[in-house]
Amino acid sequence: MNVLIVDDEELARSRLQRFVETEQLGEVIALAINGVQAIEAVEKFLPDVVLMDIQMPTMDGLEAARHLAQLDTPPAIIFCTAYDEFAIEAFNVQAVGYLLKPVRKEELKTAFSRLDKINKAQSIALHKDACRSHISAKTHQGLELVAVENIVLFKAEQKYISVIHKNGEVLIDEPLKDLEDEFAEKFIRVHRNSLVRKAAILGLEKCEDGSVALRLNGYDDLVAISRRHLAEVRKLVKTL
């Protein structure tokens, strides 16, 4: 069984690796220090199981699990953390394992004995109250991560959402309303098919047909504003 260990503490990584190897639970094929590296390592090494901390910089373990659940064959996840505050939430969605640090050999062996694949419903439930730091999209290159702070615009395109960011554009299959609810602090709805990053707004422009549109930093085209949302957008622009 191939194992990936994800923890931002070197001592914790070493301890888990030693347990996995001495108890012959599997082969540690890669190490990572945060959720972003974990996703990259999963795509590269295809581990069967991931031993993952929850609170880590850049991307936490719960968000990483949610992204990994989009893969056709996601690895099994065992959370290893120093905090018990997520335990009830994890068990409510039947997480494979939830071990408190310092992890003990017998607990790890028990967790390995009931390994199963974490599914999408479980991962979404784990992450239901948190705002993601990244958006993930399936592309021809695999699972591509886009930092939310780099996203300029979410735009509905038929059945998909176009995520326009500083380095390009990807398509995702998520309801625009869900994105609006999740990122309400940083994005504003300006049209039935558009969410724009508040910090990217440069100003309002009047179009030849009399309508009003937004000029954004990092996006060449004007973004239409519907009459329904115009008053709220004007109010926001005055504060920028």
Protein backbone atom coordinates (compact mmCIF):
# COMPACT_ATOMS: atom_id res chain seq x y z
CA MET A 1 0.00 0.00 0.00
CA ASN A 2 1.46 3.35 -1.07
CA VAL A 3 1.26 6.15 1.51
CA LEU A 4 1.55 9.94 1.31
CA ILE A 5 2.23 11.85 4.54
CA VAL A 6 1.14 15.49 4.76
CA ASP A 7 2.12 17.64 7.74
CA ASP A 8 3.88 20.98 8.11
CA GLU A 9 5.87 19.67 11.12
CA GLU A 10 8.97 17.64 10.26
CA LEU A 11 8.87 15.67 13.52
CA ALA A 12 5.27 14.65 12.87
CA ARG A 13 6.11 13.51 9.35
CA SER A 14 9.08 11.50 10.59
CA ARG A 15 7.04 9.86 13.36
CA LEU A 16 4.30 8.74 10.98
CA GLN A 17 6.80 7.50 8.42
CA ARG A 18 8.59 5.46 11.06
CA PHE A 19 5.32 3.88 12.24
CA VAL A 20 4.17 3.02 8.72
CA GLU A 21 7.48 1.38 7.90
CA THR A 22 8.18 -0.43 11.18
CA GLU A 23 4.62 -1.80 11.37
CA GLN A 24 4.76 -2.72 7.67
CA LEU A 25 1.53 -0.86 6.94
CA GLY A 26 2.77 0.26 3.55
CA GLU A 27 5.45 2.19 1.70
CA VAL A 28 5.81 5.95 2.18
CA ILE A 29 6.24 7.20 -1.38
CA ALA A 30 6.09 10.98 -0.78
CA LEU A 31 5.94 13.72 1.85
CA ALA A 32 4.18 17.11 1.70
CA ILE A 33 3.87 20.11 4.00
CA ASN A 34 0.46 21.53 3.04
CA GLY A 35 -2.72 20.81 1.10
CA VAL A 36 -1.47 22.22 -2.19
CA GLN A 37 1.61 19.98 -2.14
CA ALA A 38 -0.62 17.08 -1.12
CA ILE A 39 -2.78 17.45 -4.23
CA GLU A 40 0.29 17.71 -6.46
CA ALA A 41 1.80 14.61 -4.83
CA VAL A 42 -1.41 12.60 -5.18
CA GLU A 43 -1.56 13.33 -8.91
CA LYS A 44 2.11 12.46 -9.36
CA PHE A 45 2.48 9.40 -7.13
CA LEU A 46 -1.10 8.00 -6.92
CA PRO A 47 -0.99 6.92 -3.25
CA ASP A 48 -3.59 4.54 -1.83
CA VAL A 49 -3.85 6.43 1.44
CA VAL A 50 -3.01 9.92 2.68
CA LEU A 51 -2.10 10.61 6.32
CA MET A 52 -2.92 14.30 6.62
CA ASP A 53 -2.81 17.03 9.23
CA ILE A 54 -5.72 19.49 9.25
CA GLN A 55 -4.30 22.85 10.26
CA MET A 56 -1.54 23.72 7.79
CA PRO A 57 -0.46 26.89 5.94
CA THR A 58 -1.53 27.71 2.36
CA MET A 59 -4.29 25.07 2.32
CA ASP A 60 -5.62 23.02 5.24
CA GLY A 61 -6.29 19.31 5.21
CA LEU A 62 -10.07 19.55 5.02
CA GLU A 63 -9.95 21.66 1.87
CA ALA A 64 -7.35 19.37 0.34
CA ALA A 65 -9.65 16.40 0.98
CA ARG A 66 -12.47 18.18 -0.78
CA HIS A 67 -10.34 18.80 -3.87
CA LEU A 68 -8.99 15.25 -3.88
CA ALA A 69 -12.55 13.90 -3.81
CA GLN A 70 -13.01 15.21 -7.36
CA LEU A 71 -10.52 12.68 -8.69
CA ASP A 72 -11.89 9.58 -10.37
CA THR A 73 -10.05 7.38 -7.86
CA PRO A 74 -9.36 9.49 -4.76
CA PRO A 75 -7.07 8.10 -2.08
CA ALA A 76 -8.33 7.13 1.35
CA ILE A 77 -7.81 9.89 3.91
CA ILE A 78 -6.78 9.54 7.55
CA PHE A 79 -6.65 12.83 9.39
CA CYS A 80 -3.87 13.24 11.97
CA THR A 81 -4.16 16.39 14.07
CA ALA A 82 -3.31 17.91 17.44
CA TYR A 83 -6.83 19.35 17.75
CA ASP A 84 -10.04 17.51 18.60
CA GLU A 85 -12.40 20.30 17.51
CA PHE A 86 -13.00 18.70 14.09
CA ALA A 87 -13.49 15.16 15.40
CA ILE A 88 -17.27 15.11 15.67
CA GLU A 89 -17.63 16.69 12.25
CA ALA A 90 -15.28 14.13 10.73
CA PHE A 91 -17.00 11.13 12.30
CA ASN A 92 -20.43 12.43 11.33
CA VAL A 93 -19.42 12.07 7.69
CA GLN A 94 -17.77 8.69 8.32
CA ALA A 95 -14.21 9.81 7.77
CA VAL A 96 -11.80 6.91 7.34
CA GLY A 97 -9.84 7.89 10.42
CA TYR A 98 -9.29 10.76 12.82
CA LEU A 99 -6.20 10.40 15.00
CA LEU A 100 -5.04 12.84 17.64
CA LYS A 101 -1.36 13.64 17.99
CA PRO A 102 0.85 12.19 19.20
CA VAL A 103 -0.39 9.36 17.01
CA ARG A 104 0.05 5.91 18.57
CA LYS A 105 1.02 2.82 16.64
CA GLU A 106 -2.06 0.81 17.61
CA GLU A 107 -4.41 3.64 16.60
CA LEU A 108 -2.69 3.94 13.25
CA LYS A 109 -2.91 0.18 12.65
CA THR A 110 -6.62 0.25 13.48
CA ALA A 111 -7.22 3.12 11.07
CA PHE A 112 -5.41 1.26 8.29
CA SER A 113 -7.54 -1.81 8.94
CA ARG A 114 -10.71 0.07 7.94
CA LEU A 115 -9.45 2.04 5.00
CA ASP A 116 -12.00 3.18 2.46
CA LYS A 117 -12.27 5.88 -0.16
CA ILE A 118 -13.41 9.29 1.00
CA ASN A 119 -16.29 10.34 -1.22
CA LYS A 120 -17.39 13.72 -2.51
CA ALA A 121 -20.38 14.03 -0.20
CA GLN A 122 -18.18 13.40 2.83
CA SER A 123 -15.57 15.93 1.79
CA ILE A 124 -18.14 18.64 1.07
CA ALA A 125 -19.72 18.04 4.46
CA LEU A 126 -16.32 18.30 6.11
CA HIS A 127 -15.81 21.65 4.46
CA LYS A 128 -19.35 23.00 4.54
CA ASP A 129 -18.66 25.93 6.87
CA ALA A 130 -15.31 26.99 5.48
CA CYS A 131 -14.34 29.27 2.64
CA ARG A 132 -11.88 27.66 0.24
CA SER A 133 -8.51 29.22 -0.45
CA HIS A 134 -8.36 27.56 -3.89
CA ILE A 135 -10.68 26.48 -6.67
CA SER A 136 -9.90 23.18 -8.37
CA ALA A 137 -10.69 22.32 -11.98
CA LYS A 138 -10.22 19.18 -14.02
CA THR A 139 -8.14 19.99 -17.09
CA HIS A 140 -6.16 17.97 -19.64
CA GLN A 141 -3.17 18.41 -17.31
CA GLY A 142 -5.01 16.92 -14.33
CA LEU A 143 -6.39 18.73 -11.29
CA GLU A 144 -5.50 22.42 -11.60
CA LEU A 145 -5.59 24.66 -8.53
CA VAL A 146 -6.38 28.37 -8.75
CA ALA A 147 -5.85 30.56 -5.68
CA VAL A 148 -9.06 32.46 -4.92
CA GLU A 149 -7.00 35.62 -4.37
CA ASN A 150 -5.99 35.46 -8.06
CA ILE A 151 -9.54 35.11 -9.41
CA VAL A 152 -10.99 38.19 -11.11
CA LEU A 153 -14.33 36.91 -12.37
CA PHE A 154 -16.72 33.95 -12.19
CA LYS A 155 -18.85 33.87 -15.32
CA ALA A 156 -21.60 31.40 -16.13
CA GLU A 157 -21.14 29.87 -19.59
CA GLN A 158 -24.09 27.57 -20.38
CA LYS A 159 -23.72 24.60 -17.98
CA TYR A 160 -20.23 25.53 -16.71
CA ILE A 161 -18.61 28.38 -14.82
CA SER A 162 -15.63 30.12 -16.37
CA VAL A 163 -13.08 31.04 -13.71
CA ILE A 164 -11.05 33.95 -15.04
CA HIS A 165 -7.86 34.53 -13.08
CA LYS A 166 -4.57 36.39 -13.37
CA ASN A 167 -2.86 33.53 -15.19
CA GLY A 168 -5.63 32.33 -17.47
CA GLU A 169 -9.02 30.66 -17.38
CA VAL A 170 -10.48 27.29 -16.34
CA LEU A 171 -13.95 25.76 -16.36
CA ILE A 172 -15.65 24.30 -13.30
CA ASP A 173 -18.99 22.61 -12.73
CA GLU A 174 -20.41 24.40 -9.69
CA PRO A 175 -23.59 26.49 -9.24
CA LEU A 176 -22.88 30.23 -9.39
CA LYS A 177 -25.19 30.73 -6.41
CA ASP A 178 -23.03 28.42 -4.27
CA LEU A 179 -19.92 30.39 -5.24
CA GLU A 180 -21.72 33.62 -4.42
CA ASP A 181 -22.66 32.36 -0.96
CA GLU A 182 -19.20 30.97 -0.22
CA PHE A 183 -17.22 34.01 -1.38
CA ALA A 184 -19.66 36.79 -0.50
CA GLU A 185 -16.98 38.66 1.43
CA LYS A 186 -14.69 39.04 -1.60
CA PHE A 187 -17.02 38.85 -4.61
CA ILE A 188 -20.19 40.64 -5.63
CA ARG A 189 -22.95 39.57 -8.00
CA VAL A 190 -23.26 42.09 -10.84
CA HIS A 191 -25.37 40.08 -13.27
CA ARG A 192 -27.29 36.80 -13.26
CA ASN A 193 -24.24 35.20 -14.89
CA SER A 194 -21.35 37.11 -13.25
CA LEU A 195 -19.55 37.44 -9.93
CA VAL A 196 -16.63 39.89 -9.82
CA ARG A 197 -13.85 40.32 -7.32
CA LYS A 198 -14.49 43.51 -5.36
CA ALA A 199 -10.80 44.38 -5.17
CA ALA A 200 -10.47 44.08 -8.98
CA ILE A 201 -13.04 46.79 -9.71
CA LEU A 202 -11.49 49.86 -11.35
CA GLY A 203 -14.70 51.76 -11.99
CA LEU A 204 -17.97 52.11 -13.87
CA GLU A 205 -18.30 52.88 -17.58
CA LYS A 206 -21.37 53.94 -19.51
CA CYS A 207 -21.98 51.98 -22.72
CA GLU A 208 -23.33 53.33 -26.01
CA ASP A 209 -26.72 51.73 -25.39
CA GLY A 210 -27.03 53.55 -22.08
CA SER A 211 -26.26 50.58 -19.88
CA VAL A 212 -23.51 50.59 -17.26
CA ALA A 213 -20.61 48.16 -17.09
CA LEU A 214 -17.60 47.48 -14.91
CA ARG A 215 -13.95 47.89 -15.80
CA LEU A 216 -11.81 45.31 -14.00
CA ASN A 217 -8.12 45.07 -13.27
CA GLY A 218 -6.79 41.96 -15.00
CA TYR A 219 -9.65 41.57 -17.48
CA ASP A 220 -9.81 43.39 -20.81
CA ASP A 221 -13.53 43.22 -21.51
CA LEU A 222 -16.20 45.26 -19.78
CA VAL A 223 -18.50 43.28 -17.49
CA ALA A 224 -22.21 44.03 -17.86
CA ILE A 225 -24.20 45.10 -14.81
CA SER A 226 -27.90 44.22 -14.73
CA ARG A 227 -30.45 46.80 -13.58
CA ARG A 228 -31.27 44.55 -10.65
CA HIS A 229 -27.74 44.80 -9.28
CA LEU A 230 -26.77 48.31 -10.38
CA ALA A 231 -27.67 50.15 -7.18
CA GLU A 232 -25.69 47.72 -5.01
CA VAL A 233 -22.69 47.90 -7.33
CA ARG A 234 -22.76 51.72 -7.37
CA LYS A 235 -22.83 51.70 -3.59
CA LEU A 236 -19.82 49.41 -3.46
CA VAL A 237 -17.81 51.43 -5.99
CA LYS A 238 -18.22 54.55 -3.86
CA THR A 239 -16.44 52.78 -1.01
CA LEU A 240 -13.48 51.58 -3.07
